Amino acid sequence: MLPRPCTEFITIGMALAVCLLSKSAFAQAPLGPEHPWPIPDAAVNRAAALGDPGSSAAHKPYDLAELVDLAERTNPKTREAWEVAREAAAAIGLAESAYLPQLSLQAIGGFQHTPLPLPKNLAPAGYFVSDTREVIPALALKWLLFDFGRRGAQLDAARADSFVANVAFTGTHQKLIFDVSQAYFSLGAARGRLHAAQNALSTSQITQDAAVAKHDNGLATIVAVAQAQRQTAQSRYTLAAAEGVERSAHANLIAALGVPAATPIEVVDSAELPLPPTPTLSVSKAVNQALAHRPDIIAALGKIDAAEAALKGERRSYYPKIELSGQAFQNIGSLNSDGGPYSSIDRPGQSLLLSFSVPLYDGGMRRSRISMADAKAREAQEELAVTRDSVSQQVVGAYNNLLTSLAEYEAATALSQAAHTAYEAALRSFRQGVGTYTDLATEENAMIQGDTQVEDARAGAHTAAAALALSMGAIDSVNMTP
């Protein structure tokens, strides 16, 4: 029993320590809800170290294949998927290790003071005291010899999971290729609309000059001149908007590549690419090819294999296990009784045991785990069915979109050519005094719209071709179309 002053001192000390710890913990939080928390300079400097490192490979224009190659090398999504695949591969090694023996080096040592009972005719006190000092280093062996296939099922599940991760890695690359392609062709469309807007401004200026010239000659009213000036101003606004869209499209492409946002990359214009051809496969054959090559279909099949292997392993939990265990140790110690002289020992020992165990009752844990695994297997089957239906719908939709986009491009090209011819005729008529400004403005707007539709249709056709290739599982860094 401690004296009372000591007890009070300890109590006060503990209370003071708790108070200090509480204050220290709250000091890490913001002081109040009315002001933001000041971010420490160390955190700011650490975040600043993540800033844009620039790019050393932006000295030439990149075509689509080079952009895809850059994305595959730098985008974090591919590295993340790679690490997932490596993790799944390591799980195979973990499952294989269950077949091998486990060796461990152990040591136990200490001192024990033990009173033990003894008949009083041998010891008047009715007990004696034993003091033991002992150190026992040992090499222990544990080896699961037979488990009726549970380890084999776990290994099969790990291999199936690794297969799924590898297929998902390929799917990540295909999705990245499509994202880069889509962003690339969107940039091409934005550049096409920008080019059309520049031509529209030039055309509006020509129309305005014609209206001013006719007005100066007394052949046009001030209203026609004002309308031409309004058209030119509208063209300037459209051009400014197109420039903004082009900058945003370029930024979206940089984001799709996964490189720093401020990286200066020059891109080859997609207008230089030939238009994708009409699909040679029928839509039914395209669907069949997709079902045979789509990574998500193949991964869904792998998930079924993994789920069925896991179910098999859980069912094997009702079977017995046969294990081998052994030890080789050295007993280093000493013993005395009632303060007498110590008896010492330093001798080796060993043991080799074969154990057989069969679980009898576990409160329903195994039954519940089997039910969960069975549900997981059925879920994998249904996921395959959902994926198969989704793939078929995606292929049909992408196939139809490509046909529609090619038809739209053909129609837009014809419309643009006709609109240019009509505008040139209307401009000649207006200059000769036999045409009205209203007719000229109408043809000018039709020509501008036709040029824009051509650019949109070209980009739409390329994007639709890439989408069809992706939906069929046929897209890669070399082949961008099915």
Protein backbone atom coordinates (compact mmCIF):
# COMPACT_ATOMS: atom_id res chain seq x y z
CA MET A 1 0.00 0.00 0.00
CA LEU A 2 1.46 3.36 -1.08
CA PRO A 3 1.36 6.28 1.35
CA ARG A 4 -1.48 8.73 0.77
CA PRO A 5 0.79 11.64 -0.39
CA CYS A 6 2.25 9.34 -3.04
CA THR A 7 -1.22 8.27 -4.18
CA GLU A 8 -2.38 11.89 -4.48
CA PHE A 9 0.76 12.85 -6.38
CA ILE A 10 0.24 10.02 -8.88
CA THR A 11 -3.42 10.95 -9.33
CA ILE A 12 -2.60 14.62 -9.98
CA GLY A 13 0.17 13.63 -12.40
CA MET A 14 -2.13 11.33 -14.36
CA ALA A 15 -4.82 14.02 -14.60
CA LEU A 16 -2.25 16.56 -15.78
CA ALA A 17 -0.95 14.12 -18.42
CA VAL A 18 -4.48 13.44 -19.73
CA CYS A 19 -5.14 17.18 -19.93
CA LEU A 20 -1.92 17.83 -21.83
CA LEU A 21 -2.59 14.97 -24.23
CA SER A 22 -6.13 16.23 -24.88
CA LYS A 23 -4.91 19.74 -25.58
CA SER A 24 -2.20 18.36 -27.88
CA ALA A 25 -4.76 16.37 -29.87
CA PHE A 26 -7.17 19.30 -30.28
CA ALA A 27 -4.28 21.53 -31.32
CA GLN A 28 -4.13 19.58 -34.59
CA ALA A 29 -7.69 20.60 -35.50
CA PRO A 30 -8.85 24.01 -36.86
CA LEU A 31 -9.39 26.60 -34.11
CA GLY A 32 -13.01 27.24 -35.04
CA PRO A 33 -15.64 26.88 -37.75
CA GLU A 34 -15.53 30.49 -38.88
CA HIS A 35 -12.04 30.56 -40.46
CA PRO A 36 -10.22 28.22 -42.88
CA TRP A 37 -7.33 26.12 -41.63
CA PRO A 38 -3.95 27.54 -42.74
CA ILE A 39 -2.14 24.90 -44.79
CA PRO A 40 1.45 24.47 -43.52
CA ASP A 41 4.30 25.56 -45.76
CA ALA A 42 5.74 22.06 -45.72
CA ALA A 43 2.54 20.68 -47.27
CA VAL A 44 2.51 23.48 -49.85
CA ASN A 45 6.12 22.75 -50.80
CA ARG A 46 5.40 19.05 -51.06
CA ALA A 47 2.44 19.69 -53.36
CA ALA A 48 4.49 22.16 -55.40
CA ALA A 49 7.01 19.38 -56.05
CA LEU A 50 4.27 17.64 -58.05
CA GLY A 51 4.09 20.58 -60.43
CA ASP A 52 4.35 20.39 -64.20
CA PRO A 53 7.80 18.99 -65.03
CA GLY A 54 7.34 19.92 -68.68
CA SER A 55 7.94 17.61 -71.59
CA SER A 56 11.17 16.74 -73.32
CA ALA A 57 9.41 14.92 -76.18
CA ALA A 58 7.27 17.66 -77.70
CA HIS A 59 9.51 18.76 -80.55
CA LYS A 60 7.60 17.37 -83.53
CA PRO A 61 3.97 16.95 -84.55
CA TYR A 62 2.43 13.75 -83.16
CA ASP A 63 0.13 11.62 -85.27
CA LEU A 64 -2.50 9.38 -83.72
CA ALA A 65 -0.28 6.28 -83.41
CA GLU A 66 2.44 8.31 -81.68
CA LEU A 67 -0.10 9.88 -79.33
CA VAL A 68 -1.40 6.43 -78.39
CA ASP A 69 2.14 5.21 -77.76
CA LEU A 70 2.81 8.24 -75.56
CA ALA A 71 -0.39 7.63 -73.59
CA GLU A 72 0.37 3.95 -73.04
CA ARG A 73 3.79 4.87 -71.65
CA THR A 74 2.74 7.77 -69.44
CA ASN A 75 -0.91 7.44 -68.46
CA PRO A 76 -1.34 6.40 -64.79
CA LYS A 77 -4.29 4.16 -65.71
CA THR A 78 -2.05 1.66 -67.49
CA ARG A 79 0.44 1.59 -64.61
CA GLU A 80 -2.39 1.11 -62.11
CA ALA A 81 -3.81 -1.80 -64.12
CA TRP A 82 -0.29 -3.25 -64.41
CA GLU A 83 0.17 -3.17 -60.64
CA VAL A 84 -3.22 -4.87 -60.19
CA ALA A 85 -2.07 -7.63 -62.56
CA ARG A 86 1.21 -7.97 -60.65
CA GLU A 87 -0.70 -8.21 -57.38
CA ALA A 88 -2.89 -10.98 -58.80
CA ALA A 89 0.20 -12.82 -60.07
CA ALA A 90 1.75 -12.61 -56.60
CA ALA A 91 -1.42 -14.22 -55.22
CA ILE A 92 -0.59 -17.31 -57.29
CA GLY A 93 2.74 -17.59 -55.51
CA LEU A 94 0.93 -17.21 -52.21
CA ALA A 95 -1.40 -20.09 -53.09
CA GLU A 96 1.50 -22.26 -54.29
CA SER A 97 3.38 -21.71 -51.02
CA ALA A 98 0.66 -23.67 -49.20
CA TYR A 99 2.08 -26.86 -50.76
CA LEU A 100 5.50 -26.34 -49.19
CA PRO A 101 6.60 -26.94 -45.59
CA GLN A 102 6.94 -24.04 -43.19
CA LEU A 103 10.14 -23.73 -41.17
CA SER A 104 10.53 -21.33 -38.30
CA LEU A 105 13.25 -20.63 -35.77
CA GLN A 106 11.83 -20.30 -32.29
CA ALA A 107 13.26 -19.64 -28.88
CA ILE A 108 11.76 -19.55 -25.44
CA GLY A 109 13.54 -18.69 -22.23
CA GLY A 110 12.96 -17.36 -18.77
CA PHE A 111 12.89 -17.97 -15.05
CA GLN A 112 10.16 -19.65 -13.02
CA HIS A 113 9.73 -19.75 -9.23
CA THR A 114 7.16 -22.48 -8.51
CA PRO A 115 5.84 -23.69 -5.09
CA LEU A 116 4.65 -27.27 -5.38
CA PRO A 117 2.72 -29.43 -2.85
CA LEU A 118 4.46 -32.34 -1.12
CA PRO A 119 3.35 -34.81 1.55
CA LYS A 120 4.33 -33.63 5.02
CA ASN A 121 6.03 -36.90 5.80
CA LEU A 122 8.50 -35.88 3.10
CA ALA A 123 8.54 -32.13 3.77
CA PRO A 124 7.32 -30.72 7.10
CA ALA A 125 6.08 -27.53 5.37
CA GLY A 126 3.89 -29.56 3.01
CA TYR A 127 5.48 -28.04 -0.09
CA PHE A 128 8.75 -27.31 -1.76
CA VAL A 129 9.91 -24.49 -4.07
CA SER A 130 11.39 -25.15 -7.47
CA ASP A 131 13.47 -22.53 -9.30
CA THR A 132 13.95 -23.08 -13.02
CA ARG A 133 16.11 -21.18 -15.49
CA GLU A 134 15.75 -22.32 -19.06
CA VAL A 135 16.45 -21.36 -22.69
CA ILE A 136 15.13 -23.61 -25.47
CA PRO A 137 15.99 -22.65 -29.08
CA ALA A 138 14.17 -24.78 -31.62
CA LEU A 139 13.76 -25.33 -35.35
CA ALA A 140 10.08 -26.05 -36.02
CA LEU A 141 8.57 -27.75 -39.06
CA LYS A 142 4.92 -27.65 -40.15
CA TRP A 143 3.74 -29.29 -43.35
CA LEU A 144 0.21 -29.81 -44.59
CA LEU A 145 0.40 -33.11 -46.44
CA PHE A 146 -3.15 -33.71 -47.62
CA ASP A 147 -6.34 -31.64 -47.56
CA PHE A 148 -8.56 -33.28 -50.21
CA GLY A 149 -7.98 -30.60 -52.86
CA ARG A 150 -8.67 -27.42 -50.91
CA ARG A 151 -5.27 -25.92 -51.73
CA GLY A 152 -5.68 -26.95 -55.35
CA ALA A 153 -8.99 -25.12 -55.56
CA GLN A 154 -7.44 -22.01 -54.01
CA LEU A 155 -4.59 -22.17 -56.53
CA ASP A 156 -7.06 -22.50 -59.40
CA ALA A 157 -8.98 -19.48 -58.09
CA ALA A 158 -5.75 -17.44 -57.83
CA ARG A 159 -4.77 -18.37 -61.39
CA ALA A 160 -8.22 -17.40 -62.66
CA ASP A 161 -8.03 -14.07 -60.80
CA SER A 162 -4.63 -13.42 -62.35
CA PHE A 163 -6.04 -14.20 -65.79
CA VAL A 164 -8.90 -11.75 -65.19
CA ALA A 165 -6.44 -9.05 -64.07
CA ASN A 166 -4.29 -9.58 -67.17
CA VAL A 167 -7.33 -9.35 -69.47
CA ALA A 168 -8.47 -6.23 -67.62
CA PHE A 169 -5.00 -4.77 -68.21
CA THR A 170 -5.49 -5.31 -71.95
CA GLY A 171 -8.96 -3.79 -71.68
CA THR A 172 -7.48 -0.74 -69.96
CA HIS A 173 -5.12 -0.26 -72.89
CA GLN A 174 -7.96 -0.60 -75.40
CA LYS A 175 -10.10 1.91 -73.49
CA LEU A 176 -7.15 4.30 -73.30
CA ILE A 177 -6.56 3.97 -77.05
CA PHE A 178 -10.22 4.79 -77.70
CA ASP A 179 -10.17 7.76 -75.31
CA VAL A 180 -7.08 9.18 -77.02
CA SER A 181 -8.57 8.53 -80.46
CA GLN A 182 -11.85 10.17 -79.51
CA ALA A 183 -10.04 13.20 -78.09
CA TYR A 184 -7.82 13.36 -81.18
CA PHE A 185 -10.74 13.34 -83.60
CA SER A 186 -12.65 15.81 -81.42
CA LEU A 187 -9.66 18.11 -81.73
CA GLY A 188 -9.77 17.55 -85.48
CA ALA A 189 -13.43 18.51 -85.53
CA ALA A 190 -12.71 21.61 -83.47
CA ARG A 191 -9.92 22.58 -85.84
CA GLY A 192 -12.24 21.98 -88.78
CA ARG A 193 -14.91 24.22 -87.26
CA LEU A 194 -12.21 26.81 -86.55
CA HIS A 195 -11.09 26.65 -90.17
CA ALA A 196 -14.71 26.97 -91.29
CA ALA A 197 -15.16 29.96 -88.97
CA GLN A 198 -12.06 31.62 -90.42
CA ASN A 199 -13.40 31.07 -93.93
CA ALA A 200 -16.78 32.39 -92.81
CA LEU A 201 -15.19 35.60 -91.53
CA SER A 202 -13.32 36.00 -94.80
CA THR A 203 -16.53 35.39 -96.74
CA SER A 204 -18.47 37.83 -94.55
CA GLN A 205 -15.81 40.46 -95.19
CA ILE A 206 -16.10 39.88 -98.93
CA THR A 207 -19.88 40.22 -98.72
CA GLN A 208 -19.56 43.38 -96.62
CA ASP A 209 -17.11 44.92 -99.10
CA ALA A 210 -19.55 44.15 -101.93
CA ALA A 211 -22.41 45.78 -100.02
CA VAL A 212 -20.32 48.88 -99.27
CA ALA A 213 -19.25 49.15 -102.91
CA LYS A 214 -22.83 48.95 -104.12
CA HIS A 215 -23.87 51.51 -101.52
CA ASP A 216 -21.12 53.87 -102.65
CA ASN A 217 -22.47 53.54 -106.19
CA GLY A 218 -26.01 54.18 -105.04
CA LEU A 219 -27.14 50.63 -105.78
CA ALA A 220 -27.65 49.41 -102.18
CA THR A 221 -29.28 50.83 -99.11
CA ILE A 222 -27.63 51.54 -95.79
CA VAL A 223 -29.75 48.71 -94.38
CA ALA A 224 -27.92 46.18 -96.58
CA VAL A 225 -24.58 47.58 -95.43
CA ALA A 226 -25.63 47.35 -91.78
CA GLN A 227 -26.83 43.79 -92.29
CA ALA A 228 -23.48 42.87 -93.89
CA GLN A 229 -21.61 44.48 -91.00
CA ARG A 230 -23.77 42.54 -88.54
CA GLN A 231 -22.96 39.32 -90.40
CA THR A 232 -19.24 40.10 -90.19
CA ALA A 233 -19.49 40.82 -86.46
CA GLN A 234 -21.36 37.55 -85.96
CA SER A 235 -18.59 35.75 -87.87
CA ARG A 236 -15.96 37.29 -85.60
CA TYR A 237 -17.91 36.08 -82.55
CA THR A 238 -18.22 32.59 -84.05
CA LEU A 239 -14.49 32.58 -84.75
CA ALA A 240 -13.67 33.55 -81.15
CA ALA A 241 -15.94 30.79 -79.87
CA ALA A 242 -14.35 28.27 -82.25
CA GLU A 243 -10.89 29.23 -81.01
CA GLY A 244 -12.02 28.57 -77.44
CA VAL A 245 -13.48 25.19 -78.39
CA GLU A 246 -10.23 24.27 -80.17
CA ARG A 247 -8.17 25.14 -77.08
CA SER A 248 -10.49 23.09 -74.87
CA ALA A 249 -10.29 20.13 -77.27
CA HIS A 250 -6.49 20.31 -77.18
CA ALA A 251 -6.57 20.36 -73.39
CA ASN A 252 -8.89 17.34 -73.38
CA LEU A 253 -6.42 15.46 -75.58
CA ILE A 254 -3.57 16.29 -73.18
CA ALA A 255 -5.72 15.03 -70.31
CA ALA A 256 -6.47 11.79 -72.18
CA LEU A 257 -2.75 11.24 -72.72
CA GLY A 258 -2.09 11.49 -68.99
CA VAL A 259 0.79 13.93 -69.38
CA PRO A 260 1.09 17.22 -67.43
CA ALA A 261 -1.58 19.71 -68.46
CA ALA A 262 0.89 22.36 -69.63
CA THR A 263 2.88 19.99 -71.87
CA PRO A 264 3.33 21.66 -75.28
CA ILE A 265 2.40 18.93 -77.78
CA GLU A 266 1.90 19.67 -81.45
CA VAL A 267 -0.65 17.38 -83.10
CA VAL A 268 -1.01 16.34 -86.73
CA ASP A 269 -4.40 17.41 -88.07
CA SER A 270 -6.81 14.49 -88.41
CA ALA A 271 -8.13 16.03 -91.64
CA GLU A 272 -5.04 14.54 -93.31
CA LEU A 273 -6.25 11.01 -92.54
CA PRO A 274 -8.33 9.13 -95.10
CA LEU A 275 -11.94 8.51 -94.22
CA PRO A 276 -12.53 5.09 -92.58
CA PRO A 277 -13.94 2.49 -94.95
CA THR A 278 -17.38 0.95 -94.76
CA PRO A 279 -17.33 -2.19 -92.56
CA THR A 280 -16.70 -5.34 -94.57
CA LEU A 281 -18.28 -7.61 -91.95
CA SER A 282 -21.99 -7.96 -91.48
CA VAL A 283 -23.37 -6.79 -88.17
CA SER A 284 -23.96 -10.38 -87.01
CA LYS A 285 -20.37 -11.35 -87.77
CA ALA A 286 -19.17 -8.22 -86.00
CA VAL A 287 -21.14 -9.27 -82.91
CA ASN A 288 -19.65 -12.78 -83.05
CA GLN A 289 -16.14 -11.35 -83.34
CA ALA A 290 -16.79 -9.10 -80.37
CA LEU A 291 -18.00 -12.03 -78.26
CA ALA A 292 -14.76 -13.86 -79.08
CA HIS A 293 -12.34 -10.99 -78.54
CA ARG A 294 -13.82 -8.49 -76.10
CA PRO A 295 -11.71 -8.31 -72.92
CA ASP A 296 -14.77 -7.89 -70.70
CA ILE A 297 -16.33 -11.08 -72.12
CA ILE A 298 -13.10 -13.01 -71.62
CA ALA A 299 -12.71 -11.53 -68.14
CA ALA A 300 -16.28 -12.51 -67.28
CA LEU A 301 -15.47 -16.11 -68.23
CA GLY A 302 -12.38 -15.90 -66.02
CA LYS A 303 -14.48 -14.63 -63.13
CA ILE A 304 -16.73 -17.67 -63.51
CA ASP A 305 -13.67 -19.95 -63.29
CA ALA A 306 -12.44 -18.11 -60.20
CA ALA A 307 -15.84 -18.24 -58.50
CA GLU A 308 -16.29 -21.94 -59.22
CA ALA A 309 -12.80 -22.72 -57.93
CA ALA A 310 -13.50 -20.74 -54.76
CA LEU A 311 -16.76 -22.66 -54.31
CA LYS A 312 -14.92 -25.96 -54.73
CA GLY A 313 -12.40 -24.88 -52.10
CA GLU A 314 -15.10 -23.96 -49.60
CA ARG A 315 -16.80 -27.32 -50.09
CA ARG A 316 -13.49 -29.04 -49.30
CA SER A 317 -13.55 -27.44 -45.86
CA TYR A 318 -15.69 -30.38 -44.64
CA TYR A 319 -12.87 -32.82 -45.37
CA PRO A 320 -10.08 -33.70 -42.91
CA LYS A 321 -6.47 -32.53 -42.96
CA ILE A 322 -3.30 -34.51 -42.46
CA GLU A 323 -0.34 -32.48 -41.21
CA LEU A 324 3.24 -33.26 -40.29
CA SER A 325 4.93 -31.27 -37.54
CA GLY A 326 8.30 -31.60 -35.92
CA GLN A 327 10.86 -29.85 -33.78
CA ALA A 328 14.57 -30.05 -33.21
CA PHE A 329 15.53 -28.17 -30.06
CA GLN A 330 18.24 -27.71 -27.47
CA ASN A 331 17.25 -27.65 -23.79
CA ILE A 332 19.62 -25.31 -21.97
CA GLY A 333 18.60 -24.83 -18.33
CA SER A 334 19.02 -25.49 -14.66
CA LEU A 335 16.79 -26.47 -11.75
CA ASN A 336 16.99 -26.39 -7.98
CA SER A 337 14.67 -27.22 -5.11
CA ASP A 338 14.28 -25.23 -1.87
CA GLY A 339 17.41 -23.21 -2.51
CA GLY A 340 19.64 -26.21 -2.99
CA PRO A 341 22.29 -26.60 -5.66
CA TYR A 342 21.29 -26.23 -9.31
CA SER A 343 21.18 -29.18 -11.65
CA SER A 344 22.03 -28.17 -15.22
CA ILE A 345 21.23 -29.59 -18.64
CA ASP A 346 22.35 -28.82 -22.19
CA ARG A 347 20.99 -31.58 -24.36
CA PRO A 348 19.27 -31.76 -27.76
CA GLY A 349 15.77 -33.04 -28.30
CA GLN A 350 13.42 -33.65 -31.15
CA SER A 351 9.85 -34.52 -32.02
CA LEU A 352 8.01 -35.70 -35.13
CA LEU A 353 4.22 -35.81 -35.10
CA LEU A 354 1.60 -36.75 -37.67
CA SER A 355 -1.79 -35.19 -36.98
CA PHE A 356 -5.22 -35.92 -38.40
CA SER A 357 -8.04 -33.44 -37.88
CA VAL A 358 -11.58 -33.26 -39.14
CA PRO A 359 -13.89 -30.33 -38.31
CA LEU A 360 -17.12 -31.43 -36.71
CA TYR A 361 -18.94 -28.28 -35.64
CA ASP A 362 -18.23 -24.60 -36.25
CA GLY A 363 -21.59 -22.95 -35.64
CA GLY A 364 -22.52 -22.95 -39.34
CA MET A 365 -19.51 -20.93 -40.50
CA ARG A 366 -18.57 -23.35 -43.29
CA ARG A 367 -22.15 -23.64 -44.48
CA SER A 368 -22.43 -19.86 -44.67
CA ARG A 369 -19.14 -19.56 -46.56
CA ILE A 370 -20.30 -22.18 -49.05
CA SER A 371 -23.58 -20.31 -49.55
CA MET A 372 -21.67 -17.09 -50.18
CA ALA A 373 -19.34 -18.79 -52.67
CA ASP A 374 -22.28 -20.42 -54.44
CA ALA A 375 -24.02 -17.07 -54.76
CA LYS A 376 -20.78 -15.58 -56.07
CA ALA A 377 -20.59 -18.27 -58.75
CA ARG A 378 -24.19 -17.63 -59.84
CA GLU A 379 -23.50 -13.89 -59.81
CA ALA A 380 -20.54 -14.45 -62.16
CA GLN A 381 -22.78 -16.41 -64.52
CA GLU A 382 -25.34 -13.61 -64.60
CA GLU A 383 -22.61 -11.02 -65.04
CA LEU A 384 -21.47 -12.88 -68.16
CA ALA A 385 -25.03 -12.83 -69.52
CA VAL A 386 -25.35 -9.08 -68.84
CA THR A 387 -21.95 -8.40 -70.41
CA ARG A 388 -22.82 -10.48 -73.48
CA ASP A 389 -26.04 -8.54 -74.03
CA SER A 390 -24.28 -5.23 -73.47
CA VAL A 391 -21.52 -6.11 -75.92
CA SER A 392 -24.05 -7.07 -78.60
CA GLN A 393 -25.89 -3.78 -78.14
CA GLN A 394 -22.66 -1.78 -78.25
CA VAL A 395 -21.52 -3.45 -81.46
CA VAL A 396 -24.87 -2.93 -83.19
CA GLY A 397 -24.97 0.70 -82.06
CA ALA A 398 -21.37 1.41 -83.12
CA TYR A 399 -21.89 -0.38 -86.44
CA ASN A 400 -24.97 1.70 -87.23
CA ASN A 401 -23.26 4.90 -86.07
CA LEU A 402 -20.37 4.28 -88.47
CA LEU A 403 -22.72 3.69 -91.41
CA THR A 404 -24.69 6.80 -90.46
CA SER A 405 -21.54 8.91 -90.07
CA LEU A 406 -20.19 7.86 -93.46
CA ALA A 407 -23.54 8.66 -95.09
CA GLU A 408 -23.62 12.01 -93.29
CA TYR A 409 -20.13 12.84 -94.53
CA GLU A 410 -21.09 12.03 -98.10
CA ALA A 411 -24.24 14.12 -97.85
CA ALA A 412 -22.44 16.98 -96.08
CA THR A 413 -19.75 17.04 -98.77
CA ALA A 414 -22.35 17.27 -101.51
CA LEU A 415 -24.22 19.95 -99.56
CA SER A 416 -21.04 21.96 -99.03
CA GLN A 417 -20.12 21.85 -102.71
CA ALA A 418 -23.61 22.91 -103.71
CA ALA A 419 -23.61 25.69 -101.09
CA HIS A 420 -20.30 27.06 -102.38
CA THR A 421 -21.63 27.09 -105.94
CA ALA A 422 -24.84 28.80 -104.84
CA TYR A 423 -22.96 31.42 -102.83
CA GLU A 424 -20.62 32.26 -105.69
CA ALA A 425 -23.62 32.66 -107.99
CA ALA A 426 -25.47 34.81 -105.47
CA LEU A 427 -22.37 36.99 -104.96
CA ARG A 428 -22.03 37.56 -108.72
CA SER A 429 -25.72 38.40 -108.98
CA PHE A 430 -25.47 40.81 -106.03
CA ARG A 431 -22.47 42.57 -107.53
CA GLN A 432 -24.24 42.85 -110.89
CA GLY A 433 -27.28 44.36 -109.22
CA VAL A 434 -29.70 41.57 -110.04
CA GLY A 435 -29.60 39.84 -106.68
CA THR A 436 -30.62 40.95 -103.20
CA TYR A 437 -28.51 40.99 -100.08
CA THR A 438 -31.04 38.72 -98.39
CA ASP A 439 -30.42 36.02 -101.01
CA LEU A 440 -26.65 36.49 -100.66
CA ALA A 441 -26.77 36.25 -96.85
CA THR A 442 -28.92 33.13 -97.03
CA GLU A 443 -26.45 31.39 -99.34
CA GLU A 444 -23.52 32.56 -97.21
CA ASN A 445 -25.05 31.03 -94.06
CA ALA A 446 -25.82 27.81 -95.96
CA MET A 447 -22.20 27.60 -97.13
CA ILE A 448 -20.85 28.15 -93.62
CA GLN A 449 -23.20 25.54 -92.22
CA GLY A 450 -22.22 23.08 -94.95
CA ASP A 451 -18.50 23.50 -94.24
CA THR A 452 -19.09 22.96 -90.52
CA GLN A 453 -21.17 19.86 -91.16
CA VAL A 454 -18.39 18.38 -93.31
CA GLU A 455 -15.88 18.78 -90.49
CA ASP A 456 -18.27 17.38 -87.91
CA ALA A 457 -19.14 14.42 -90.14
CA ARG A 458 -15.46 13.64 -90.81
CA ALA A 459 -14.63 13.59 -87.11
CA GLY A 460 -17.82 11.65 -86.40
CA ALA A 461 -16.88 8.97 -88.92
CA HIS A 462 -13.40 8.51 -87.44
CA THR A 463 -14.77 8.39 -83.89
CA ALA A 464 -17.49 5.92 -84.90
CA ALA A 465 -14.89 3.67 -86.55
CA ALA A 466 -12.77 3.72 -83.38
CA ALA A 467 -15.88 2.99 -81.29
CA LEU A 468 -16.73 0.01 -83.49
CA ALA A 469 -13.18 -1.32 -83.19
CA LEU A 470 -13.34 -0.92 -79.42
CA SER A 471 -16.74 -2.62 -79.21
CA MET A 472 -15.37 -5.56 -81.22
CA GLY A 473 -12.22 -5.83 -79.11
CA ALA A 474 -10.13 -5.14 -82.23
CA ILE A 475 -8.60 -1.79 -81.35
CA ASP A 476 -4.87 -1.51 -80.66
CA SER A 477 -2.05 0.95 -81.11
CA VAL A 478 -1.52 -0.19 -84.72
CA ASN A 479 -5.07 -0.88 -85.87
CA MET A 480 -7.45 1.92 -85.02
CA THR A 481 -10.36 0.61 -87.05
CA PRO A 482 -12.09 -2.77 -87.36
